[in-house]
Amino acid sequence: MSVIRGRLRIRARWIGVAFILLWSLVPIYWTINTSLQTEAQAGSKPAHYVPPTPTLKHYITLLGSDGTVPDQIRRSTINILVECGAATIVTVVLSTLAAYAFARMRFRGRNLLFYSVLATMAFPAYTTLIPLYRIMSDFGLVNTYTGIVLVYVSGFLPLATWIMHNYLVSLPTAIEEAGQVDGAGRMQILWHVLLPLALPGIISTAIITFLFSWTQFLFPLVLSTDLSTQPLTVVVQSLQGQHVVPTTLLSAAGVIAIVVPAVIGLTLNRYIVNGLLTGSVK
């Protein structure tokens, strides 16, 4: 009986894994499949599960042709790269300095302050949407790169600090003591000794921050109301209401929006997993 139960559990696990894969990958495949067809092929019945005559003309249209929709896609792609890149750089710098202070420096209220920072991760991000909009509006930061980047940094900094803190805590203090004996200051030790050793943690933090920034939708939707700062994720959704856009062209825009995080996730997966596991254990 135990052997039969073991086999049933294994089969149930494989069925569960197959269901999750189908649930996750089929929509992506169908989007790619539609983007490679002509509008007539995409609208035909029965549907084509494989493109009869694959074509890249929709991608060429979006990336190289003139027109309202291609201009929006190109501009929003630049916007999302600038916003995600800037948010990642600022978050990594601030989280590294904060993590070093929490991990190595001794000061009154250190533990209380550290766990207060971590406690902010328990609050749903969207509860701060209205207050953040009011603050950004008062400072004239709505529809600006600076406003969106600051919101991203404020949301991702606690998690990034947690990840970097665990990396720095795991490093032996003997190497710092040796540097102090040689007359190096704190910043010299951090720059020349700790940062090279904590490079995997820095890479993990940067990747996770960039991916989280790329997937944001509601915050940039509220904080950017025109194309000057709207990221690709917002523009792709808005195309459905502003223009009569062919489903094939819209699918191509969706593929462009997911290709960057997909490539990062597939090629740098070990850093992402390492960073999440390090941040999840003490």
C-alpha atoms as a PDB file:
ATOM      1  CA  MET A   1       0.000   0.000   0.000  1.00  0.00           C
ATOM      2  CA  SER A   2       2.829   2.411   0.842  1.00  0.00           C
ATOM      3  CA  VAL A   3       4.363   1.900  -2.625  1.00  0.00           C
ATOM      4  CA  ILE A   4       1.036   2.629  -4.313  1.00  0.00           C
ATOM      5  CA  ARG A   5       0.554   5.753  -2.184  1.00  0.00           C
ATOM      6  CA  GLY A   6       4.052   6.904  -3.068  1.00  0.00           C
ATOM      7  CA  ARG A   7       3.365   6.513  -6.781  1.00  0.00           C
ATOM      8  CA  LEU A   8       0.062   8.332  -6.477  1.00  0.00           C
ATOM      9  CA  ARG A   9       1.794  11.242  -4.710  1.00  0.00           C
ATOM     10  CA  ILE A  10       4.436  11.445  -7.441  1.00  0.00           C
ATOM     11  CA  ARG A  11       1.765  11.417 -10.148  1.00  0.00           C
ATOM     12  CA  ALA A  12      -0.235  14.067  -8.303  1.00  0.00           C
ATOM     13  CA  ARG A  13       2.873  16.260  -8.089  1.00  0.00           C
ATOM     14  CA  TRP A  14       3.586  15.894 -11.790  1.00  0.00           C
ATOM     15  CA  ILE A  15      -0.039  16.672 -12.607  1.00  0.00           C
ATOM     16  CA  GLY A  16       0.170  19.783 -10.445  1.00  0.00           C
ATOM     17  CA  VAL A  17       3.420  20.882 -12.089  1.00  0.00           C
ATOM     18  CA  ALA A  18       1.969  20.287 -15.569  1.00  0.00           C
ATOM     19  CA  PHE A  19      -1.146  22.290 -14.684  1.00  0.00           C
ATOM     20  CA  ILE A  20       0.919  25.237 -13.417  1.00  0.00           C
ATOM     21  CA  LEU A  21       3.117  25.180 -16.517  1.00  0.00           C
ATOM     22  CA  LEU A  22       0.129  25.086 -18.847  1.00  0.00           C
ATOM     23  CA  TRP A  23      -1.620  27.823 -16.904  1.00  0.00           C
ATOM     24  CA  SER A  24       1.474  30.041 -17.076  1.00  0.00           C
ATOM     25  CA  LEU A  25       2.911  29.298 -20.508  1.00  0.00           C
ATOM     26  CA  VAL A  26      -0.141  28.836 -22.745  1.00  0.00           C
ATOM     27  CA  PRO A  27      -1.164  32.540 -22.653  1.00  0.00           C
ATOM     28  CA  ILE A  28       2.414  33.547 -23.470  1.00  0.00           C
ATOM     29  CA  TYR A  29       2.614  31.070 -26.321  1.00  0.00           C
ATOM     30  CA  TRP A  30      -0.730  32.221 -27.708  1.00  0.00           C
ATOM     31  CA  THR A  31       0.413  35.842 -27.631  1.00  0.00           C
ATOM     32  CA  ILE A  32       3.596  34.958 -29.526  1.00  0.00           C
ATOM     33  CA  ASN A  33       1.630  32.776 -31.925  1.00  0.00           C
ATOM     34  CA  THR A  34      -0.821  35.592 -32.684  1.00  0.00           C
ATOM     35  CA  SER A  35       1.953  38.151 -33.164  1.00  0.00           C
ATOM     36  CA  LEU A  36       3.510  35.986 -35.891  1.00  0.00           C
ATOM     37  CA  GLN A  37       0.302  35.739 -37.952  1.00  0.00           C
ATOM     38  CA  THR A  38      -1.483  38.105 -40.285  1.00  0.00           C
ATOM     39  CA  GLU A  39      -4.729  39.673 -39.086  1.00  0.00           C
ATOM     40  CA  ALA A  40      -6.738  37.393 -41.398  1.00  0.00           C
ATOM     41  CA  GLN A  41      -4.998  34.287 -40.042  1.00  0.00           C
ATOM     42  CA  ALA A  42      -5.433  35.387 -36.422  1.00  0.00           C
ATOM     43  CA  GLY A  43      -9.175  35.918 -36.944  1.00  0.00           C
ATOM     44  CA  SER A  44      -9.840  32.721 -38.875  1.00  0.00           C
ATOM     45  CA  LYS A  45     -11.843  29.785 -37.527  1.00  0.00           C
ATOM     46  CA  PRO A  46     -10.726  27.266 -36.538  1.00  0.00           C
ATOM     47  CA  ALA A  47      -7.805  29.036 -34.941  1.00  0.00           C
ATOM     48  CA  HIS A  48      -4.235  28.341 -36.018  1.00  0.00           C
ATOM     49  CA  TYR A  49      -2.284  26.787 -33.148  1.00  0.00           C
ATOM     50  CA  VAL A  50       0.904  27.250 -35.175  1.00  0.00           C
ATOM     51  CA  PRO A  51       1.475  30.266 -37.472  1.00  0.00           C
ATOM     52  CA  PRO A  52       0.831  29.061 -41.062  1.00  0.00           C
ATOM     53  CA  THR A  53       3.262  31.606 -42.515  1.00  0.00           C
ATOM     54  CA  PRO A  54       5.249  33.196 -39.651  1.00  0.00           C
ATOM     55  CA  THR A  55       5.953  36.871 -40.192  1.00  0.00           C
ATOM     56  CA  LEU A  56       7.845  39.532 -38.241  1.00  0.00           C
ATOM     57  CA  LYS A  57       6.161  42.461 -39.949  1.00  0.00           C
ATOM     58  CA  HIS A  58       4.312  43.517 -36.785  1.00  0.00           C
ATOM     59  CA  TYR A  59       7.569  43.799 -34.835  1.00  0.00           C
ATOM     60  CA  ILE A  60       9.139  45.704 -37.730  1.00  0.00           C
ATOM     61  CA  THR A  61       6.142  48.029 -37.749  1.00  0.00           C
ATOM     62  CA  LEU A  62       6.386  48.745 -34.025  1.00  0.00           C
ATOM     63  CA  LEU A  63      10.151  49.191 -33.936  1.00  0.00           C
ATOM     64  CA  GLY A  64      10.887  50.845 -37.263  1.00  0.00           C
ATOM     65  CA  SER A  65       7.809  52.384 -38.876  1.00  0.00           C
ATOM     66  CA  ASP A  66       6.195  55.775 -38.455  1.00  0.00           C
ATOM     67  CA  GLY A  67       2.796  56.202 -36.876  1.00  0.00           C
ATOM     68  CA  THR A  68       1.059  56.876 -33.579  1.00  0.00           C
ATOM     69  CA  VAL A  69       1.234  53.341 -32.177  1.00  0.00           C
ATOM     70  CA  PRO A  70       4.894  52.652 -33.133  1.00  0.00           C
ATOM     71  CA  ASP A  71       5.912  56.040 -31.700  1.00  0.00           C
ATOM     72  CA  GLN A  72       4.137  55.248 -28.444  1.00  0.00           C
ATOM     73  CA  ILE A  73       5.783  51.835 -28.171  1.00  0.00           C
ATOM     74  CA  ARG A  74       9.273  53.202 -28.801  1.00  0.00           C
ATOM     75  CA  ARG A  75       8.849  56.129 -26.420  1.00  0.00           C
ATOM     76  CA  SER A  76       7.376  53.994 -23.653  1.00  0.00           C
ATOM     77  CA  THR A  77      10.195  51.455 -24.067  1.00  0.00           C
ATOM     78  CA  ILE A  78      12.729  54.211 -23.449  1.00  0.00           C
ATOM     79  CA  ASN A  79      10.674  55.373 -20.457  1.00  0.00           C
ATOM     80  CA  ILE A  80      10.560  51.977 -18.792  1.00  0.00           C
ATOM     81  CA  LEU A  81      14.276  51.376 -19.340  1.00  0.00           C
ATOM     82  CA  VAL A  82      15.164  54.747 -17.813  1.00  0.00           C
ATOM     83  CA  GLU A  83      12.809  54.353 -14.848  1.00  0.00           C
ATOM     84  CA  CYS A  84      13.750  50.761 -14.060  1.00  0.00           C
ATOM     85  CA  GLY A  85      17.460  51.398 -14.533  1.00  0.00           C
ATOM     86  CA  ALA A  86      17.494  54.501 -12.328  1.00  0.00           C
ATOM     87  CA  ALA A  87      15.375  52.849  -9.630  1.00  0.00           C
ATOM     88  CA  THR A  88      17.685  49.828  -9.625  1.00  0.00           C
ATOM     89  CA  ILE A  89      20.856  51.901  -9.255  1.00  0.00           C
ATOM     90  CA  VAL A  90      19.461  54.085  -6.463  1.00  0.00           C
ATOM     91  CA  THR A  91      17.968  51.111  -4.614  1.00  0.00           C
ATOM     92  CA  VAL A  92      21.168  49.066  -4.760  1.00  0.00           C
ATOM     93  CA  VAL A  93      23.308  51.975  -3.506  1.00  0.00           C
ATOM     94  CA  LEU A  94      20.979  52.896  -0.639  1.00  0.00           C
ATOM     95  CA  SER A  95      20.275  49.295   0.396  1.00  0.00           C
ATOM     96  CA  THR A  96      23.984  48.468   0.448  1.00  0.00           C
ATOM     97  CA  LEU A  97      24.796  51.414   2.711  1.00  0.00           C
ATOM     98  CA  ALA A  98      21.803  50.715   4.964  1.00  0.00           C
ATOM     99  CA  ALA A  99      22.584  46.988   5.160  1.00  0.00           C
ATOM    100  CA  TYR A 100      26.207  47.725   6.055  1.00  0.00           C
ATOM    101  CA  ALA A 101      25.093  50.020   8.881  1.00  0.00           C
ATOM    102  CA  PHE A 102      22.649  47.449  10.248  1.00  0.00           C
ATOM    103  CA  ALA A 103      25.067  44.524   9.867  1.00  0.00           C
ATOM    104  CA  ARG A 104      28.322  46.030  11.119  1.00  0.00           C
ATOM    105  CA  MET A 105      27.724  49.244  13.046  1.00  0.00           C
ATOM    106  CA  ARG A 106      26.551  49.376  16.639  1.00  0.00           C
ATOM    107  CA  PHE A 107      24.180  52.185  17.621  1.00  0.00           C
ATOM    108  CA  ARG A 108      21.199  52.677  19.884  1.00  0.00           C
ATOM    109  CA  GLY A 109      17.911  51.455  18.442  1.00  0.00           C
ATOM    110  CA  ARG A 110      19.589  49.548  15.619  1.00  0.00           C
ATOM    111  CA  ASN A 111      17.419  46.425  15.900  1.00  0.00           C
ATOM    112  CA  LEU A 112      14.239  48.441  16.362  1.00  0.00           C
ATOM    113  CA  LEU A 113      14.983  50.523  13.283  1.00  0.00           C
ATOM    114  CA  PHE A 114      15.966  47.470  11.200  1.00  0.00           C
ATOM    115  CA  TYR A 115      12.838  45.504  12.000  1.00  0.00           C
ATOM    116  CA  SER A 116      10.700  48.607  11.520  1.00  0.00           C
ATOM    117  CA  VAL A 117      12.073  48.864   7.985  1.00  0.00           C
ATOM    118  CA  LEU A 118      11.315  45.195   7.356  1.00  0.00           C
ATOM    119  CA  ALA A 119       7.822  45.577   8.831  1.00  0.00           C
ATOM    120  CA  THR A 120       6.874  47.961   6.036  1.00  0.00           C
ATOM    121  CA  MET A 121       6.932  44.987   3.656  1.00  0.00           C
ATOM    122  CA  ALA A 122       3.845  43.626   5.431  1.00  0.00           C
ATOM    123  CA  PHE A 123       1.703  46.539   4.235  1.00  0.00           C
ATOM    124  CA  PRO A 124       0.078  46.232   0.795  1.00  0.00           C
ATOM    125  CA  ALA A 125       1.815  48.657  -1.529  1.00  0.00           C
ATOM    126  CA  TYR A 126      -1.438  50.011  -2.915  1.00  0.00           C
ATOM    127  CA  THR A 127      -2.486  51.376   0.490  1.00  0.00           C
ATOM    128  CA  THR A 128       0.112  54.113  -0.012  1.00  0.00           C
ATOM    129  CA  LEU A 129      -0.996  55.012  -3.534  1.00  0.00           C
ATOM    130  CA  ILE A 130      -3.172  58.015  -2.660  1.00  0.00           C
ATOM    131  CA  PRO A 131      -0.760  59.506  -0.072  1.00  0.00           C
ATOM    132  CA  LEU A 132       2.150  59.115  -2.494  1.00  0.00           C
ATOM    133  CA  TYR A 133       0.191  60.789  -5.266  1.00  0.00           C
ATOM    134  CA  ARG A 134      -0.639  63.713  -2.974  1.00  0.00           C
ATOM    135  CA  ILE A 135       3.011  64.084  -1.985  1.00  0.00           C
ATOM    136  CA  MET A 136       4.255  63.863  -5.567  1.00  0.00           C
ATOM    137  CA  SER A 137       1.599  66.334  -6.687  1.00  0.00           C
ATOM    138  CA  ASP A 138       2.552  68.837  -3.975  1.00  0.00           C
ATOM    139  CA  PHE A 139       6.217  68.670  -5.022  1.00  0.00           C
ATOM    140  CA  GLY A 140       5.428  68.821  -8.736  1.00  0.00           C
ATOM    141  CA  LEU A 141       6.770  65.317  -9.384  1.00  0.00           C
ATOM    142  CA  VAL A 142       3.743  63.873 -11.212  1.00  0.00           C
ATOM    143  CA  ASN A 143       4.609  62.979 -14.831  1.00  0.00           C
ATOM    144  CA  THR A 144       8.331  63.031 -14.071  1.00  0.00           C
ATOM    145  CA  TYR A 145      10.998  60.362 -14.079  1.00  0.00           C
ATOM    146  CA  THR A 146      12.062  61.504 -10.620  1.00  0.00           C
ATOM    147  CA  GLY A 147       8.641  60.925  -9.098  1.00  0.00           C
ATOM    148  CA  ILE A 148       8.253  57.413 -10.494  1.00  0.00           C
ATOM    149  CA  VAL A 149      11.806  56.456  -9.532  1.00  0.00           C
ATOM    150  CA  LEU A 150      11.326  57.712  -5.968  1.00  0.00           C
ATOM    151  CA  VAL A 151       8.126  55.701  -5.606  1.00  0.00           C
ATOM    152  CA  TYR A 152       9.842  52.580  -6.909  1.00  0.00           C
ATOM    153  CA  VAL A 153      12.798  53.055  -4.565  1.00  0.00           C
ATOM    154  CA  SER A 154      10.567  53.577  -1.536  1.00  0.00           C
ATOM    155  CA  GLY A 155       8.710  50.360  -2.327  1.00  0.00           C
ATOM    156  CA  PHE A 156      11.685  48.105  -3.079  1.00  0.00           C
ATOM    157  CA  LEU A 157      14.243  49.432  -0.579  1.00  0.00           C
ATOM    158  CA  PRO A 158      13.131  47.316   2.435  1.00  0.00           C
ATOM    159  CA  LEU A 159      13.419  44.026   0.523  1.00  0.00           C
ATOM    160  CA  ALA A 160      16.737  45.058  -1.024  1.00  0.00           C
ATOM    161  CA  THR A 161      18.082  46.031   2.413  1.00  0.00           C
ATOM    162  CA  TRP A 162      17.038  42.667   3.801  1.00  0.00           C
ATOM    163  CA  ILE A 163      18.797  40.760   1.038  1.00  0.00           C
ATOM    164  CA  MET A 164      22.005  42.801   1.318  1.00  0.00           C
ATOM    165  CA  HIS A 165      21.943  42.594   5.119  1.00  0.00           C
ATOM    166  CA  ASN A 166      21.943  38.804   5.029  1.00  0.00           C
ATOM    167  CA  TYR A 167      24.848  38.768   2.578  1.00  0.00           C
ATOM    168  CA  LEU A 168      26.938  41.133   4.686  1.00  0.00           C
ATOM    169  CA  VAL A 169      26.144  39.325   7.935  1.00  0.00           C
ATOM    170  CA  SER A 170      27.373  36.062   6.407  1.00  0.00           C
ATOM    171  CA  LEU A 171      30.827  37.537   5.720  1.00  0.00           C
ATOM    172  CA  PRO A 172      33.471  37.000   8.433  1.00  0.00           C
ATOM    173  CA  THR A 173      34.422  40.042  10.507  1.00  0.00           C
ATOM    174  CA  ALA A 174      38.085  39.008  10.521  1.00  0.00           C
ATOM    175  CA  ILE A 175      38.653  40.525   7.084  1.00  0.00           C
ATOM    176  CA  GLU A 176      37.363  43.882   8.305  1.00  0.00           C
ATOM    177  CA  GLU A 177      39.497  43.725  11.430  1.00  0.00           C
ATOM    178  CA  ALA A 178      42.518  43.093   9.245  1.00  0.00           C
ATOM    179  CA  GLY A 179      41.680  46.173   7.206  1.00  0.00           C
ATOM    180  CA  GLN A 180      41.294  48.279  10.353  1.00  0.00           C
ATOM    181  CA  VAL A 181      44.700  47.126  11.547  1.00  0.00           C
ATOM    182  CA  ASP A 182      46.142  48.382   8.257  1.00  0.00           C
ATOM    183  CA  GLY A 183      44.542  51.782   8.885  1.00  0.00           C
ATOM    184  CA  ALA A 184      41.590  51.572   6.472  1.00  0.00           C
ATOM    185  CA  GLY A 185      38.424  53.498   7.291  1.00  0.00           C
ATOM    186  CA  ARG A 186      34.879  52.135   7.205  1.00  0.00           C
ATOM    187  CA  MET A 187      34.137  53.320   3.675  1.00  0.00           C
ATOM    188  CA  GLN A 188      37.466  51.967   2.410  1.00  0.00           C
ATOM    189  CA  ILE A 189      36.733  48.584   3.963  1.00  0.00           C
ATOM    190  CA  LEU A 190      33.221  48.598   2.499  1.00  0.00           C
ATOM    191  CA  TRP A 191      34.415  49.600  -0.982  1.00  0.00           C
ATOM    192  CA  HIS A 192      37.594  47.547  -1.291  1.00  0.00           C
ATOM    193  CA  VAL A 193      36.863  44.524   0.919  1.00  0.00           C
ATOM    194  CA  LEU A 194      33.163  43.865   1.486  1.00  0.00           C
ATOM    195  CA  LEU A 195      31.624  44.896  -1.832  1.00  0.00           C
ATOM    196  CA  PRO A 196      33.774  42.534  -3.953  1.00  0.00           C
ATOM    197  CA  LEU A 197      32.821  39.667  -1.627  1.00  0.00           C
ATOM    198  CA  ALA A 198      29.152  40.669  -1.634  1.00  0.00           C
ATOM    199  CA  LEU A 199      28.978  40.972  -5.436  1.00  0.00           C
ATOM    200  CA  PRO A 200      26.548  38.017  -5.803  1.00  0.00           C
ATOM    201  CA  GLY A 201      24.194  39.740  -3.365  1.00  0.00           C
ATOM    202  CA  ILE A 202      24.475  43.031  -5.221  1.00  0.00           C
ATOM    203  CA  ILE A 203      23.686  41.316  -8.529  1.00  0.00           C
ATOM    204  CA  SER A 204      20.709  39.514  -6.985  1.00  0.00           C
ATOM    205  CA  THR A 205      19.391  42.740  -5.493  1.00  0.00           C
ATOM    206  CA  ALA A 206      19.801  44.589  -8.788  1.00  0.00           C
ATOM    207  CA  ILE A 207      18.032  41.883 -10.817  1.00  0.00           C
ATOM    208  CA  ILE A 208      15.116  41.533  -8.395  1.00  0.00           C
ATOM    209  CA  THR A 209      14.669  45.308  -8.178  1.00  0.00           C
ATOM    210  CA  PHE A 210      14.770  45.700 -11.959  1.00  0.00           C
ATOM    211  CA  LEU A 211      12.224  42.925 -12.525  1.00  0.00           C
ATOM    212  CA  PHE A 212       9.869  44.261  -9.850  1.00  0.00           C
ATOM    213  CA  SER A 213      10.149  47.745 -11.377  1.00  0.00           C
ATOM    214  CA  TRP A 214       9.428  46.404 -14.866  1.00  0.00           C
ATOM    215  CA  THR A 215       6.202  44.714 -13.762  1.00  0.00           C
ATOM    216  CA  GLN A 216       4.728  47.805 -12.084  1.00  0.00           C
ATOM    217  CA  PHE A 217       1.442  48.977 -13.516  1.00  0.00           C
ATOM    218  CA  LEU A 218      -0.863  50.789 -11.088  1.00  0.00           C
ATOM    219  CA  PHE A 219       1.689  53.241  -9.674  1.00  0.00           C
ATOM    220  CA  PRO A 220       2.937  54.486 -13.063  1.00  0.00           C
ATOM    221  CA  LEU A 221      -0.650  54.477 -14.341  1.00  0.00           C
ATOM    222  CA  VAL A 222      -1.570  56.987 -11.635  1.00  0.00           C
ATOM    223  CA  LEU A 223       1.682  58.971 -11.518  1.00  0.00           C
ATOM    224  CA  SER A 224       2.180  59.323 -15.281  1.00  0.00           C
ATOM    225  CA  THR A 225      -0.770  60.560 -17.284  1.00  0.00           C
ATOM    226  CA  ASP A 226       0.926  61.219 -20.614  1.00  0.00           C
ATOM    227  CA  LEU A 227       3.460  59.589 -22.910  1.00  0.00           C
ATOM    228  CA  SER A 228       6.377  61.636 -21.591  1.00  0.00           C
ATOM    229  CA  THR A 229       6.874  59.202 -18.693  1.00  0.00           C
ATOM    230  CA  GLN A 230       4.433  56.312 -19.212  1.00  0.00           C
ATOM    231  CA  PRO A 231       6.240  52.936 -19.236  1.00  0.00           C
ATOM    232  CA  LEU A 232       5.651  50.190 -21.761  1.00  0.00           C
ATOM    233  CA  THR A 233       3.383  48.173 -19.445  1.00  0.00           C
ATOM    234  CA  VAL A 234       0.923  51.068 -19.176  1.00  0.00           C
ATOM    235  CA  VAL A 235       1.008  52.002 -22.865  1.00  0.00           C
ATOM    236  CA  VAL A 236       0.354  48.443 -24.076  1.00  0.00           C
ATOM    237  CA  GLN A 237      -2.789  48.309 -21.944  1.00  0.00           C
ATOM    238  CA  SER A 238      -3.944  51.763 -23.013  1.00  0.00           C
ATOM    239  CA  LEU A 239      -3.717  50.850 -26.713  1.00  0.00           C
ATOM    240  CA  GLN A 240      -6.883  48.819 -26.363  1.00  0.00           C
ATOM    241  CA  GLY A 241      -8.929  51.913 -25.537  1.00  0.00           C
ATOM    242  CA  GLN A 242      -7.233  54.752 -27.433  1.00  0.00           C
ATOM    243  CA  HIS A 243      -6.934  53.215 -30.891  1.00  0.00           C
ATOM    244  CA  VAL A 244      -8.388  50.494 -33.055  1.00  0.00           C
ATOM    245  CA  VAL A 245      -5.302  48.305 -32.957  1.00  0.00           C
ATOM    246  CA  PRO A 246      -5.175  44.904 -34.701  1.00  0.00           C
ATOM    247  CA  THR A 247      -4.858  42.018 -32.287  1.00  0.00           C
ATOM    248  CA  THR A 248      -1.698  40.875 -34.051  1.00  0.00           C
ATOM    249  CA  LEU A 249      -0.015  44.252 -33.545  1.00  0.00           C
ATOM    250  CA  LEU A 250      -1.203  44.384 -29.947  1.00  0.00           C
ATOM    251  CA  SER A 251       0.182  40.891 -29.351  1.00  0.00           C
ATOM    252  CA  ALA A 252       3.537  41.955 -30.783  1.00  0.00           C
ATOM    253  CA  ALA A 253       3.577  44.900 -28.370  1.00  0.00           C
ATOM    254  CA  GLY A 254       2.852  42.504 -25.515  1.00  0.00           C
ATOM    255  CA  VAL A 255       5.723  40.259 -26.539  1.00  0.00           C
ATOM    256  CA  ILE A 256       8.074  43.251 -26.596  1.00  0.00           C
ATOM    257  CA  ALA A 257       6.938  44.101 -23.059  1.00  0.00           C
ATOM    258  CA  ILE A 258       7.752  40.629 -21.704  1.00  0.00           C
ATOM    259  CA  VAL A 259      10.896  39.801 -23.648  1.00  0.00           C
ATOM    260  CA  VAL A 260      13.290  41.760 -21.405  1.00  0.00           C
ATOM    261  CA  PRO A 261      12.191  40.243 -18.055  1.00  0.00           C
ATOM    262  CA  ALA A 262      11.937  36.823 -19.726  1.00  0.00           C
ATOM    263  CA  VAL A 263      15.525  36.974 -20.963  1.00  0.00           C
ATOM    264  CA  ILE A 264      16.768  38.217 -17.584  1.00  0.00           C
ATOM    265  CA  GLY A 265      14.834  35.527 -15.744  1.00  0.00           C
ATOM    266  CA  LEU A 266      16.110  32.713 -17.958  1.00  0.00           C
ATOM    267  CA  THR A 267      19.755  33.786 -18.115  1.00  0.00           C
ATOM    268  CA  LEU A 268      20.230  35.028 -14.533  1.00  0.00           C
ATOM    269  CA  ASN A 269      17.868  32.670 -12.749  1.00  0.00           C
ATOM    270  CA  ARG A 270      20.506  31.405 -10.292  1.00  0.00           C
ATOM    271  CA  TYR A 271      21.134  34.924  -8.991  1.00  0.00           C
ATOM    272  CA  ILE A 272      17.412  35.521  -8.519  1.00  0.00           C
ATOM    273  CA  VAL A 273      16.918  32.270  -6.586  1.00  0.00           C
ATOM    274  CA  ASN A 274      20.043  32.886  -4.540  1.00  0.00           C
ATOM    275  CA  GLY A 275      18.901  36.373  -3.643  1.00  0.00           C
ATOM    276  CA  LEU A 276      15.379  35.291  -2.656  1.00  0.00           C
ATOM    277  CA  LEU A 277      16.653  32.395  -0.541  1.00  0.00           C
ATOM    278  CA  THR A 278      19.221  34.557   1.176  1.00  0.00           C
ATOM    279  CA  GLY A 279      16.588  37.140   1.967  1.00  0.00           C
ATOM    280  CA  SER A 280      14.201  34.542   3.350  1.00  0.00           C
ATOM    281  CA  VAL A 281      16.413  33.037   6.050  1.00  0.00           C
ATOM    282  CA  LYS A 282      18.297  34.554   8.929  1.00  0.00           C
END
